[in-house]
PDB file of N, CA and C in Angstrom:
ATOM      1  N   MET A   1     -48.821  14.303 -51.622  1.00  0.00           N
ATOM      2  CA  MET A   1     -48.176  13.332 -52.535  1.00  0.00           C
ATOM      3  C   MET A   1     -49.301  12.826 -53.428  1.00  0.00           C
ATOM      4  N   SER A   2     -49.069  12.950 -54.642  1.00  0.00           N
ATOM      5  CA  SER A   2     -50.096  12.552 -55.609  1.00  0.00           C
ATOM      6  C   SER A   2     -50.159  11.103 -55.815  1.00  0.00           C
ATOM      7  N   ASN A   3     -51.331  10.731 -56.438  1.00  0.00           N
ATOM      8  CA  ASN A   3     -51.546   9.180 -56.466  1.00  0.00           C
ATOM      9  C   ASN A   3     -50.387   8.593 -57.359  1.00  0.00           C
ATOM     10  N   SER A   4     -50.012   9.381 -58.539  1.00  0.00           N
ATOM     11  CA  SER A   4     -49.045   8.729 -59.426  1.00  0.00           C
ATOM     12  C   SER A   4     -47.597   8.582 -58.645  1.00  0.00           C
ATOM     13  N   GLN A   5     -47.348   9.436 -57.863  1.00  0.00           N
ATOM     14  CA  GLN A   5     -45.978   9.368 -57.046  1.00  0.00           C
ATOM     15  C   GLN A   5     -46.048   8.181 -56.083  1.00  0.00           C
ATOM     16  N   TYR A   6     -47.271   8.040 -55.523  1.00  0.00           N
ATOM     17  CA  TYR A   6     -47.384   6.956 -54.501  1.00  0.00           C
ATOM     18  C   TYR A   6     -47.270   5.533 -55.263  1.00  0.00           C
ATOM     19  N   LEU A   7     -47.852   5.449 -56.474  1.00  0.00           N
ATOM     20  CA  LEU A   7     -47.672   4.262 -57.271  1.00  0.00           C
ATOM     21  C   LEU A   7     -46.331   3.919 -57.695  1.00  0.00           C
ATOM     22  N   ILE A   8     -45.596   5.025 -58.013  1.00  0.00           N
ATOM     23  CA  ILE A   8     -44.230   4.918 -58.421  1.00  0.00           C
ATOM     24  C   ILE A   8     -43.372   4.420 -57.273  1.00  0.00           C
ATOM     25  N   LEU A   9     -43.689   5.020 -55.990  1.00  0.00           N
ATOM     26  CA  LEU A   9     -42.851   4.512 -54.898  1.00  0.00           C
ATOM     27  C   LEU A   9     -43.213   3.134 -54.466  1.00  0.00           C
ATOM     28  N   ASN A  10     -44.532   2.742 -54.542  1.00  0.00           N
ATOM     29  CA  ASN A  10     -44.975   1.377 -54.225  1.00  0.00           C
ATOM     30  C   ASN A  10     -44.366   0.434 -55.286  1.00  0.00           C
ATOM     31  N   ASP A  11     -44.293   0.747 -56.511  1.00  0.00           N
ATOM     32  CA  ASP A  11     -43.643  -0.220 -57.517  1.00  0.00           C
ATOM     33  C   ASP A  11     -42.220  -0.319 -57.243  1.00  0.00           C
ATOM     34  N   GLY A  12     -41.557   0.816 -56.821  1.00  0.00           N
ATOM     35  CA  GLY A  12     -40.087   0.782 -56.505  1.00  0.00           C
ATOM     36  C   GLY A  12     -39.953  -0.210 -55.208  1.00  0.00           C
ATOM     37  N   PHE A  13     -40.689  -0.150 -54.300  1.00  0.00           N
ATOM     38  CA  PHE A  13     -40.690  -0.936 -53.065  1.00  0.00           C
ATOM     39  C   PHE A  13     -40.801  -2.413 -53.518  1.00  0.00           C
ATOM     40  N   LYS A  14     -41.806  -2.721 -54.396  1.00  0.00           N
ATOM     41  CA  LYS A  14     -42.109  -4.166 -54.779  1.00  0.00           C
ATOM     42  C   LYS A  14     -40.802  -4.581 -55.690  1.00  0.00           C
ATOM     43  N   ASN A  15     -40.294  -3.785 -56.362  1.00  0.00           N
ATOM     44  CA  ASN A  15     -39.031  -4.086 -57.188  1.00  0.00           C
ATOM     45  C   ASN A  15     -37.859  -4.469 -56.121  1.00  0.00           C
ATOM     46  N   ILE A  16     -37.769  -3.702 -55.167  1.00  0.00           N
ATOM     47  CA  ILE A  16     -36.645  -3.883 -54.116  1.00  0.00           C
ATOM     48  C   ILE A  16     -36.972  -5.245 -53.402  1.00  0.00           C
ATOM     49  N   LYS A  17     -38.169  -5.444 -53.010  1.00  0.00           N
ATOM     50  CA  LYS A  17     -38.580  -6.667 -52.307  1.00  0.00           C
ATOM     51  C   LYS A  17     -38.474  -7.811 -53.099  1.00  0.00           C
ATOM     52  N   ASN A  18     -38.818  -7.731 -54.499  1.00  0.00           N
ATOM     53  CA  ASN A  18     -38.594  -8.873 -55.309  1.00  0.00           C
ATOM     54  C   ASN A  18     -37.062  -9.230 -55.536  1.00  0.00           C
ATOM     55  N   SER A  19     -36.272  -8.186 -55.605  1.00  0.00           N
ATOM     56  CA  SER A  19     -34.920  -8.464 -55.920  1.00  0.00           C
ATOM     57  C   SER A  19     -34.210  -9.067 -54.658  1.00  0.00           C
ATOM     58  N   LEU A  20     -34.772  -8.973 -53.598  1.00  0.00           N
ATOM     59  CA  LEU A  20     -34.164  -9.706 -52.329  1.00  0.00           C
ATOM     60  C   LEU A  20     -34.751 -11.041 -52.352  1.00  0.00           C
ATOM     61  N   ASN A  21     -33.855 -12.053 -52.426  1.00  0.00           N
ATOM     62  CA  ASN A  21     -34.472 -13.369 -52.474  1.00  0.00           C
ATOM     63  C   ASN A  21     -34.518 -13.792 -50.899  1.00  0.00           C
ATOM     64  N   LYS A  22     -35.101 -14.959 -50.594  1.00  0.00           N
ATOM     65  CA  LYS A  22     -35.265 -15.392 -49.189  1.00  0.00           C
ATOM     66  C   LYS A  22     -34.015 -15.557 -48.465  1.00  0.00           C
ATOM     67  N   ASN A  23     -32.949 -15.930 -49.026  1.00  0.00           N
ATOM     68  CA  ASN A  23     -31.588 -16.045 -48.388  1.00  0.00           C
ATOM     69  C   ASN A  23     -31.073 -14.751 -47.813  1.00  0.00           C
ATOM     70  N   HIS A  24     -31.242 -13.702 -48.681  1.00  0.00           N
ATOM     71  CA  HIS A  24     -30.878 -12.416 -48.225  1.00  0.00           C
ATOM     72  C   HIS A  24     -31.698 -11.906 -47.011  1.00  0.00           C
ATOM     73  N   ILE A  25     -33.014 -12.147 -47.139  1.00  0.00           N
ATOM     74  CA  ILE A  25     -33.788 -11.755 -45.992  1.00  0.00           C
ATOM     75  C   ILE A  25     -33.458 -12.664 -44.770  1.00  0.00           C
ATOM     76  N   LEU A  26     -33.161 -13.873 -44.910  1.00  0.00           N
ATOM     77  CA  LEU A  26     -32.811 -14.736 -43.746  1.00  0.00           C
ATOM     78  C   LEU A  26     -31.480 -14.228 -43.117  1.00  0.00           C
ATOM     79  N   MET A  27     -30.565 -13.767 -43.996  1.00  0.00           N
ATOM     80  CA  MET A  27     -29.272 -13.359 -43.564  1.00  0.00           C
ATOM     81  C   MET A  27     -29.428 -12.075 -42.651  1.00  0.00           C
ATOM     82  N   ILE A  28     -30.307 -11.181 -43.238  1.00  0.00           N
ATOM     83  CA  ILE A  28     -30.537  -9.876 -42.543  1.00  0.00           C
ATOM     84  C   ILE A  28     -31.255 -10.251 -41.086  1.00  0.00           C
ATOM     85  N   TYR A  29     -32.144 -11.231 -41.117  1.00  0.00           N
ATOM     86  CA  TYR A  29     -32.691 -11.480 -39.782  1.00  0.00           C
ATOM     87  C   TYR A  29     -31.632 -12.252 -38.755  1.00  0.00           C
ATOM     88  N   CYS A  30     -30.834 -13.056 -39.364  1.00  0.00           N
ATOM     89  CA  CYS A  30     -29.692 -13.660 -38.572  1.00  0.00           C
ATOM     90  C   CYS A  30     -28.698 -12.660 -38.053  1.00  0.00           C
ATOM     91  N   ASN A  31     -28.480 -11.616 -38.823  1.00  0.00           N
ATOM     92  CA  ASN A  31     -27.461 -10.724 -38.492  1.00  0.00           C
ATOM     93  C   ASN A  31     -28.110  -9.805 -37.364  1.00  0.00           C
ATOM     94  N   THR A  32     -29.331  -9.504 -37.494  1.00  0.00           N
ATOM     95  CA  THR A  32     -29.989  -8.712 -36.495  1.00  0.00           C
ATOM     96  C   THR A  32     -30.037  -9.472 -35.086  1.00  0.00           C
ATOM     97  N   PHE A  33     -30.391 -10.767 -35.199  1.00  0.00           N
ATOM     98  CA  PHE A  33     -30.403 -11.631 -33.970  1.00  0.00           C
ATOM     99  C   PHE A  33     -29.135 -11.736 -33.262  1.00  0.00           C
ATOM    100  N   PHE A  34     -28.112 -11.974 -34.134  1.00  0.00           N
ATOM    101  CA  PHE A  34     -26.818 -12.120 -33.511  1.00  0.00           C
ATOM    102  C   PHE A  34     -26.286 -10.846 -32.935  1.00  0.00           C
ATOM    103  N   SER A  35     -26.531  -9.713 -33.614  1.00  0.00           N
ATOM    104  CA  SER A  35     -26.156  -8.365 -33.170  1.00  0.00           C
ATOM    105  C   SER A  35     -26.753  -8.154 -31.837  1.00  0.00           C
ATOM    106  N   PHE A  36     -28.120  -8.399 -31.809  1.00  0.00           N
ATOM    107  CA  PHE A  36     -28.783  -8.237 -30.517  1.00  0.00           C
ATOM    108  C   PHE A  36     -28.246  -9.032 -29.456  1.00  0.00           C
ATOM    109  N   SER A  37     -27.939 -10.337 -29.773  1.00  0.00           N
ATOM    110  CA  SER A  37     -27.340 -11.217 -28.725  1.00  0.00           C
ATOM    111  C   SER A  37     -26.100 -10.797 -28.254  1.00  0.00           C
ATOM    112  N   ILE A  38     -25.205 -10.245 -29.119  1.00  0.00           N
ATOM    113  CA  ILE A  38     -23.901  -9.641 -28.636  1.00  0.00           C
ATOM    114  C   ILE A  38     -24.102  -8.428 -27.788  1.00  0.00           C
ATOM    115  N   PHE A  39     -25.036  -7.652 -28.090  1.00  0.00           N
ATOM    116  CA  PHE A  39     -25.412  -6.415 -27.275  1.00  0.00           C
ATOM    117  C   PHE A  39     -25.838  -6.999 -25.903  1.00  0.00           C
ATOM    118  N   ILE A  40     -26.687  -7.922 -25.835  1.00  0.00           N
ATOM    119  CA  ILE A  40     -27.117  -8.496 -24.531  1.00  0.00           C
ATOM    120  C   ILE A  40     -25.898  -8.982 -23.718  1.00  0.00           C
ATOM    121  N   ILE A  41     -25.029  -9.741 -24.424  1.00  0.00           N
ATOM    122  CA  ILE A  41     -23.873 -10.218 -23.744  1.00  0.00           C
ATOM    123  C   ILE A  41     -23.020  -9.114 -23.111  1.00  0.00           C
ATOM    124  N   LEU A  42     -22.826  -8.087 -23.952  1.00  0.00           N
ATOM    125  CA  LEU A  42     -22.021  -6.952 -23.490  1.00  0.00           C
ATOM    126  C   LEU A  42     -22.698  -6.215 -22.337  1.00  0.00           C
ATOM    127  N   ILE A  43     -23.857  -6.099 -22.279  1.00  0.00           N
ATOM    128  CA  ILE A  43     -24.728  -5.643 -21.046  1.00  0.00           C
ATOM    129  C   ILE A  43     -24.432  -6.405 -19.814  1.00  0.00           C
ATOM    130  N   VAL A  44     -24.521  -7.758 -19.966  1.00  0.00           N
ATOM    131  CA  VAL A  44     -24.241  -8.631 -18.909  1.00  0.00           C
ATOM    132  C   VAL A  44     -22.828  -8.532 -18.339  1.00  0.00           C
ATOM    133  N   ILE A  45     -21.823  -8.476 -19.323  1.00  0.00           N
ATOM    134  CA  ILE A  45     -20.378  -8.291 -18.937  1.00  0.00           C
ATOM    135  C   ILE A  45     -20.246  -6.880 -18.321  1.00  0.00           C
ATOM    136  N   ALA A  46     -20.891  -5.906 -18.694  1.00  0.00           N
ATOM    137  CA  ALA A  46     -20.827  -4.557 -18.048  1.00  0.00           C
ATOM    138  C   ALA A  46     -21.380  -4.633 -16.675  1.00  0.00           C
ATOM    139  N   SER A  47     -22.498  -5.225 -16.454  1.00  0.00           N
ATOM    140  CA  SER A  47     -23.105  -5.397 -15.094  1.00  0.00           C
ATOM    141  C   SER A  47     -22.189  -6.177 -14.220  1.00  0.00           C
ATOM    142  N   GLN A  48     -21.522  -7.166 -14.763  1.00  0.00           N
ATOM    143  CA  GLN A  48     -20.507  -7.975 -13.872  1.00  0.00           C
ATOM    144  C   GLN A  48     -19.344  -7.195 -13.497  1.00  0.00           C
ATOM    145  N   LEU A  49     -18.867  -6.250 -14.228  1.00  0.00           N
ATOM    146  CA  LEU A  49     -17.654  -5.399 -14.073  1.00  0.00           C
ATOM    147  C   LEU A  49     -17.878  -4.385 -13.037  1.00  0.00           C
ATOM    148  N   SER A  50     -19.055  -4.036 -12.731  1.00  0.00           N
ATOM    149  CA  SER A  50     -19.331  -2.945 -11.713  1.00  0.00           C
ATOM    150  C   SER A  50     -18.762  -3.268 -10.297  1.00  0.00           C
ATOM    151  N   PRO A  51     -18.955  -4.451  -9.838  1.00  0.00           N
ATOM    152  CA  PRO A  51     -18.357  -4.795  -8.524  1.00  0.00           C
ATOM    153  C   PRO A  51     -16.757  -4.667  -8.537  1.00  0.00           C
ATOM    154  N   VAL A  52     -16.094  -5.114  -9.718  1.00  0.00           N
ATOM    155  CA  VAL A  52     -14.763  -5.014  -9.852  1.00  0.00           C
ATOM    156  C   VAL A  52     -14.256  -3.619  -9.819  1.00  0.00           C
ATOM    157  N   VAL A  53     -15.054  -2.800 -10.492  1.00  0.00           N
ATOM    158  CA  VAL A  53     -14.695  -1.306 -10.391  1.00  0.00           C
ATOM    159  C   VAL A  53     -14.742  -0.844  -8.997  1.00  0.00           C
ATOM    160  N   ASN A  54     -15.810  -1.190  -8.263  1.00  0.00           N
ATOM    161  CA  ASN A  54     -15.963  -0.761  -6.914  1.00  0.00           C
ATOM    162  C   ASN A  54     -14.791  -1.174  -6.009  1.00  0.00           C
ATOM    163  N   ASP A  55     -14.402  -2.434  -6.223  1.00  0.00           N
ATOM    164  CA  ASP A  55     -13.234  -3.119  -5.423  1.00  0.00           C
ATOM    165  C   ASP A  55     -11.997  -2.261  -5.784  1.00  0.00           C
ATOM    166  N   ALA A  56     -11.839  -1.998  -7.002  1.00  0.00           N
ATOM    167  CA  ALA A  56     -10.611  -1.297  -7.518  1.00  0.00           C
ATOM    168  C   ALA A  56     -10.520   0.113  -6.813  1.00  0.00           C
ATOM    169  N   GLY A  57     -11.657   0.855  -6.652  1.00  0.00           N
ATOM    170  CA  GLY A  57     -11.771   2.135  -6.019  1.00  0.00           C
ATOM    171  C   GLY A  57     -11.401   1.944  -4.511  1.00  0.00           C
ATOM    172  N   ILE A  58     -11.864   0.880  -3.807  1.00  0.00           N
ATOM    173  CA  ILE A  58     -11.462   0.677  -2.536  1.00  0.00           C
ATOM    174  C   ILE A  58     -10.017   0.470  -2.373  1.00  0.00           C
ATOM    175  N   LEU A  59      -9.485  -0.364  -3.339  1.00  0.00           N
ATOM    176  CA  LEU A  59      -7.960  -0.564  -3.244  1.00  0.00           C
ATOM    177  C   LEU A  59      -7.102   0.590  -3.400  1.00  0.00           C
ATOM    178  N   ILE A  60      -7.563   1.473  -4.430  1.00  0.00           N
ATOM    179  CA  ILE A  60      -6.869   2.822  -4.664  1.00  0.00           C
ATOM    180  C   ILE A  60      -7.026   3.633  -3.384  1.00  0.00           C
ATOM    181  N   ASN A  61      -8.109   3.636  -2.781  1.00  0.00           N
ATOM    182  CA  ASN A  61      -8.206   4.515  -1.566  1.00  0.00           C
ATOM    183  C   ASN A  61      -7.382   3.994  -0.432  1.00  0.00           C
ATOM    184  N   ASP A  62      -7.352   2.705  -0.208  1.00  0.00           N
ATOM    185  CA  ASP A  62      -6.418   2.068   0.722  1.00  0.00           C
ATOM    186  C   ASP A  62      -4.965   2.400   0.459  1.00  0.00           C
ATOM    187  N   ALA A  63      -4.654   2.261  -0.817  1.00  0.00           N
ATOM    188  CA  ALA A  63      -3.217   2.500  -1.291  1.00  0.00           C
ATOM    189  C   ALA A  63      -2.826   4.082  -0.948  1.00  0.00           C
ATOM    190  N   SER A  64      -3.734   4.919  -1.164  1.00  0.00           N
ATOM    191  CA  SER A  64      -3.551   6.376  -0.829  1.00  0.00           C
ATOM    192  C   SER A  64      -3.398   6.531   0.572  1.00  0.00           C
ATOM    193  N   GLU A  65      -4.131   5.995   1.437  1.00  0.00           N
ATOM    194  CA  GLU A  65      -3.972   5.911   3.033  1.00  0.00           C
ATOM    195  C   GLU A  65      -2.635   5.420   3.359  1.00  0.00           C
ATOM    196  N   ASN A  66      -2.263   4.366   2.804  1.00  0.00           N
ATOM    197  CA  ASN A  66      -0.932   3.698   3.076  1.00  0.00           C
ATOM    198  C   ASN A  66       0.124   4.663   2.746  1.00  0.00           C
ATOM    199  N   LEU A  67       0.015   5.325   1.623  1.00  0.00           N
ATOM    200  CA  LEU A  67       1.077   6.315   1.145  1.00  0.00           C
ATOM    201  C   LEU A  67       1.176   7.470   2.099  1.00  0.00           C
ATOM    202  N   LYS A  68      -0.022   7.929   2.521  1.00  0.00           N
ATOM    203  CA  LYS A  68      -0.080   9.057   3.535  1.00  0.00           C
ATOM    204  C   LYS A  68       0.788   8.571   4.773  1.00  0.00           C
ATOM    205  N   ASP A  69       0.368   7.383   5.262  1.00  0.00           N
ATOM    206  CA  ASP A  69       1.002   6.840   6.557  1.00  0.00           C
ATOM    207  C   ASP A  69       2.603   6.670   6.267  1.00  0.00           C
ATOM    208  N   PHE A  70       3.010   6.358   5.077  1.00  0.00           N
ATOM    209  CA  PHE A  70       4.366   6.164   4.807  1.00  0.00           C
ATOM    210  C   PHE A  70       5.082   7.442   4.709  1.00  0.00           C
ATOM    211  N   SER A  71       4.310   8.429   4.219  1.00  0.00           N
ATOM    212  CA  SER A  71       5.003   9.869   4.200  1.00  0.00           C
ATOM    213  C   SER A  71       5.135  10.447   5.499  1.00  0.00           C
ATOM    214  N   ILE A  72       4.258  10.036   6.493  1.00  0.00           N
ATOM    215  CA  ILE A  72       4.464  10.490   7.810  1.00  0.00           C
ATOM    216  C   ILE A  72       5.785   9.811   8.458  1.00  0.00           C
ATOM    217  N   LEU A  73       6.026   8.441   8.095  1.00  0.00           N
ATOM    218  CA  LEU A  73       7.085   7.825   8.621  1.00  0.00           C
ATOM    219  C   LEU A  73       8.443   8.228   8.039  1.00  0.00           C
ATOM    220  N   ILE A  74       8.432   8.779   6.888  1.00  0.00           N
ATOM    221  CA  ILE A  74       9.750   9.016   6.167  1.00  0.00           C
ATOM    222  C   ILE A  74      10.534  10.058   7.072  1.00  0.00           C
ATOM    223  N   PRO A  75       9.840  11.151   7.488  1.00  0.00           N
ATOM    224  CA  PRO A  75      10.848  12.107   8.269  1.00  0.00           C
ATOM    225  C   PRO A  75      11.286  11.486   9.575  1.00  0.00           C
ATOM    226  N   ARG A  76      10.444  10.609  10.269  1.00  0.00           N
ATOM    227  CA  ARG A  76      10.928   9.916  11.508  1.00  0.00           C
ATOM    228  C   ARG A  76      12.165   9.068  11.130  1.00  0.00           C
ATOM    229  N   ILE A  77      12.090   8.396   9.883  1.00  0.00           N
ATOM    230  CA  ILE A  77      13.091   7.403   9.605  1.00  0.00           C
ATOM    231  C   ILE A  77      14.392   8.300   9.269  1.00  0.00           C
ATOM    232  N   ASN A  78      14.228   9.472   8.664  1.00  0.00           N
ATOM    233  CA  ASN A  78      15.368  10.319   8.336  1.00  0.00           C
ATOM    234  C   ASN A  78      15.970  10.833   9.625  1.00  0.00           C
ATOM    235  N   ASN A  79      15.203  11.053  10.652  1.00  0.00           N
ATOM    236  CA  ASN A  79      15.659  11.405  12.031  1.00  0.00           C
ATOM    237  C   ASN A  79      16.457  10.264  12.655  1.00  0.00           C
ATOM    238  N   LEU A  80      16.140   8.983  12.487  1.00  0.00           N
ATOM    239  CA  LEU A  80      16.800   7.886  13.006  1.00  0.00           C
ATOM    240  C   LEU A  80      18.120   7.614  12.362  1.00  0.00           C
ATOM    241  N   ILE A  81      18.237   7.965  11.051  1.00  0.00           N
ATOM    242  CA  ILE A  81      19.467   7.535  10.389  1.00  0.00           C
ATOM    243  C   ILE A  81      20.690   8.089  11.042  1.00  0.00           C
ATOM    244  N   PRO A  82      20.887   9.363  11.325  1.00  0.00           N
ATOM    245  CA  PRO A  82      22.013   9.828  12.098  1.00  0.00           C
ATOM    246  C   PRO A  82      22.320   9.070  13.404  1.00  0.00           C
ATOM    247  N   GLU A  83      21.138   8.747  14.204  1.00  0.00           N
ATOM    248  CA  GLU A  83      21.419   7.953  15.372  1.00  0.00           C
ATOM    249  C   GLU A  83      21.934   6.579  14.992  1.00  0.00           C
ATOM    250  N   ALA A  84      21.448   5.985  14.050  1.00  0.00           N
ATOM    251  CA  ALA A  84      21.940   4.739  13.615  1.00  0.00           C
ATOM    252  C   ALA A  84      23.447   4.718  13.131  1.00  0.00           C
ATOM    253  N   GLN A  85      23.774   5.814  12.544  1.00  0.00           N
ATOM    254  CA  GLN A  85      25.154   5.978  12.152  1.00  0.00           C
ATOM    255  C   GLN A  85      26.051   6.220  13.452  1.00  0.00           C
ATOM    256  N   ASN A  86      25.508   6.956  14.428  1.00  0.00           N
ATOM    257  CA  ASN A  86      26.193   7.160  15.571  1.00  0.00           C
ATOM    258  C   ASN A  86      26.462   5.944  16.390  1.00  0.00           C
ATOM    259  N   THR A  87      25.356   5.041  16.446  1.00  0.00           N
ATOM    260  CA  THR A  87      25.408   3.792  17.028  1.00  0.00           C
ATOM    261  C   THR A  87      26.474   2.869  16.368  1.00  0.00           C
ATOM    262  N   THR A  88      26.505   2.987  15.046  1.00  0.00           N
ATOM    263  CA  THR A  88      27.435   2.125  14.336  1.00  0.00           C
ATOM    264  C   THR A  88      28.951   2.607  14.648  1.00  0.00           C
ATOM    265  N   ARG A  89      29.120   3.871  14.663  1.00  0.00           N
ATOM    266  CA  ARG A  89      30.366   4.411  14.995  1.00  0.00           C
ATOM    267  C   ARG A  89      30.852   4.083  16.439  1.00  0.00           C
ATOM    268  N   ILE A  90      29.804   4.006  17.435  1.00  0.00           N
ATOM    269  CA  ILE A  90      30.177   3.642  18.763  1.00  0.00           C
ATOM    270  C   ILE A  90      30.540   2.161  18.795  1.00  0.00           C
ATOM    271  N   LEU A  91      29.776   1.330  18.097  1.00  0.00           N
ATOM    272  CA  LEU A  91      30.077  -0.154  18.092  1.00  0.00           C
ATOM    273  C   LEU A  91      31.406  -0.297  17.453  1.00  0.00           C
ATOM    274  N   GLY A  92      31.667   0.424  16.400  1.00  0.00           N
ATOM    275  CA  GLY A  92      33.019   0.278  15.679  1.00  0.00           C
ATOM    276  C   GLY A  92      34.155   0.587  16.723  1.00  0.00           C
ATOM    277  N   HIS A  93      33.967   1.493  17.639  1.00  0.00           N
ATOM    278  CA  HIS A  93      35.065   1.818  18.583  1.00  0.00           C
ATOM    279  C   HIS A  93      35.127   0.634  19.659  1.00  0.00           C
ATOM    280  N   LEU A  94      33.922   0.167  19.906  1.00  0.00           N
ATOM    281  CA  LEU A  94      33.872  -0.860  21.047  1.00  0.00           C
ATOM    282  C   LEU A  94      34.345  -2.230  20.596  1.00  0.00           C
ATOM    283  N   ILE A  95      34.227  -2.478  19.312  1.00  0.00           N
ATOM    284  CA  ILE A  95      34.753  -3.786  18.911  1.00  0.00           C
ATOM    285  C   ILE A  95      36.001  -4.251  19.186  1.00  0.00           C
ATOM    286  N   PRO A  96      37.124  -3.419  19.024  1.00  0.00           N
ATOM    287  CA  PRO A  96      38.456  -3.655  19.342  1.00  0.00           C
ATOM    288  C   PRO A  96      38.519  -3.870  20.946  1.00  0.00           C
ATOM    289  N   MET A  97      37.842  -3.050  21.700  1.00  0.00           N
ATOM    290  CA  MET A  97      37.863  -3.202  23.170  1.00  0.00           C
ATOM    291  C   MET A  97      37.336  -4.435  23.501  1.00  0.00           C
ATOM    292  N   ILE A  98      36.218  -4.867  22.842  1.00  0.00           N
ATOM    293  CA  ILE A  98      35.681  -6.169  23.226  1.00  0.00           C
ATOM    294  C   ILE A  98      36.523  -7.322  22.855  1.00  0.00           C
ATOM    295  N   LYS A  99      37.292  -7.201  21.772  1.00  0.00           N
ATOM    296  CA  LYS A  99      38.311  -8.241  21.355  1.00  0.00           C
ATOM    297  C   LYS A  99      39.400  -8.352  22.323  1.00  0.00           C
ATOM    298  N   ASN A 100      39.976  -7.094  22.787  1.00  0.00           N
ATOM    299  CA  ASN A 100      40.977  -7.172  23.824  1.00  0.00           C
ATOM    300  C   ASN A 100      40.573  -7.715  25.105  1.00  0.00           C
ATOM    301  N   GLY A 101      39.295  -7.527  25.470  1.00  0.00           N
ATOM    302  CA  GLY A 101      38.820  -8.083  26.765  1.00  0.00           C
ATOM    303  C   GLY A 101      38.670  -9.601  26.692  1.00  0.00           C
ATOM    304  N   MET A 102      38.165 -10.022  25.493  1.00  0.00           N
ATOM    305  CA  MET A 102      38.092 -11.419  25.286  1.00  0.00           C
ATOM    306  C   MET A 102      39.438 -12.157  25.226  1.00  0.00           C
ATOM    307  N   HIS A 103      40.499 -11.483  24.663  1.00  0.00           N
ATOM    308  CA  HIS A 103      41.747 -12.071  24.664  1.00  0.00           C
ATOM    309  C   HIS A 103      42.369 -12.073  26.126  1.00  0.00           C
ATOM    310  N   GLN A 104      42.103 -11.070  26.969  1.00  0.00           N
ATOM    311  CA  GLN A 104      42.532 -11.124  28.369  1.00  0.00           C
ATOM    312  C   GLN A 104      41.841 -12.253  29.056  1.00  0.00           C
ATOM    313  N   LEU A 105      40.477 -12.349  28.874  1.00  0.00           N
ATOM    314  CA  LEU A 105      39.775 -13.449  29.482  1.00  0.00           C
ATOM    315  C   LEU A 105      40.375 -14.805  29.141  1.00  0.00           C
ATOM    316  N   ARG A 106      40.790 -15.161  27.822  1.00  0.00           N
ATOM    317  CA  ARG A 106      41.332 -16.264  27.381  1.00  0.00           C
ATOM    318  C   ARG A 106      42.715 -16.566  28.130  1.00  0.00           C
ATOM    319  N   GLN A 107      43.455 -15.526  28.284  1.00  0.00           N
ATOM    320  CA  GLN A 107      44.828 -15.643  28.938  1.00  0.00           C
ATOM    321  C   GLN A 107      44.563 -16.057  30.353  1.00  0.00           C
ATOM    322  N   LEU A 108      43.592 -15.397  31.025  1.00  0.00           N
ATOM    323  CA  LEU A 108      43.253 -15.829  32.479  1.00  0.00           C
ATOM    324  C   LEU A 108      42.725 -17.174  32.575  1.00  0.00           C
ATOM    325  N   CYS A 109      41.950 -17.570  31.603  1.00  0.00           N
ATOM    326  CA  CYS A 109      41.343 -19.027  31.570  1.00  0.00           C
ATOM    327  C   CYS A 109      42.603 -20.052  31.353  1.00  0.00           C
ATOM    328  N   HIS A 110      43.541 -19.711  30.692  1.00  0.00           N
ATOM    329  CA  HIS A 110      44.625 -20.548  30.387  1.00  0.00           C
ATOM    330  C   HIS A 110      45.512 -20.695  31.571  1.00  0.00           C
ATOM    331  N   GLU A 111      45.615 -19.753  32.424  1.00  0.00           N
ATOM    332  CA  GLU A 111      46.413 -19.703  33.658  1.00  0.00           C
ATOM    333  C   GLU A 111      45.689 -20.489  34.790  1.00  0.00           C
ATOM    334  N   ALA A 112      44.309 -20.325  34.884  1.00  0.00           N
ATOM    335  CA  ALA A 112      43.512 -20.943  35.811  1.00  0.00           C
ATOM    336  C   ALA A 112      42.734 -22.069  35.274  1.00  0.00           C
ATOM    337  N   PRO A 113      42.935 -23.393  35.509  1.00  0.00           N
ATOM    338  CA  PRO A 113      42.416 -24.421  34.869  1.00  0.00           C
ATOM    339  C   PRO A 113      40.942 -24.610  35.294  1.00  0.00           C
ATOM    340  N   GLY A 114      40.432 -24.008  36.408  1.00  0.00           N
ATOM    341  CA  GLY A 114      39.020 -24.145  36.815  1.00  0.00           C
ATOM    342  C   GLY A 114      38.149 -23.109  36.172  1.00  0.00           C
ATOM    343  N   CYS A 115      38.663 -22.481  35.192  1.00  0.00           N
ATOM    344  CA  CYS A 115      37.945 -21.177  34.525  1.00  0.00           C
ATOM    345  C   CYS A 115      36.741 -21.728  33.758  1.00  0.00           C
ATOM    346  N   TYR A 116      37.027 -22.921  33.021  1.00  0.00           N
ATOM    347  CA  TYR A 116      35.969 -23.429  32.142  1.00  0.00           C
ATOM    348  C   TYR A 116      34.906 -24.191  32.891  1.00  0.00           C
TER     349      TYR A 116
END
C-alpha cells in the first residue's frame, strides 16, 4: 500500500470520525452494553431451564413406562369383560328369584307375629 493510499484512507477515517458526533458514539456504546446485557440474561435463563428439561425427560420416561403397564393390562381387562357380562346375566336371572323369596318371607312374617 503506497503512502498516498494510506493518507487517503486515514483522511477518510478522520472524516467518518468527525461526522459522528458524541451522541452517536454514546448511542453505539449504549446499544452494545444493552445487547451484551440481554445476551447475559439469555445465558442465565438457558442455564435455569436445563433442570426443567431434565425433569421433563424423567416425566416422559415415567409416562412411557405407565403406558407399557397399561398396555399389559388391556388384554386382561378384555378377558374380564365377557366374565362381567356373564355375571350380569346371572344376576339378571337371580333378581326375580330374590324378589320372589323376599315376597314369600314377607308373607310368612305376616302370618307369624314373632317374625320381626
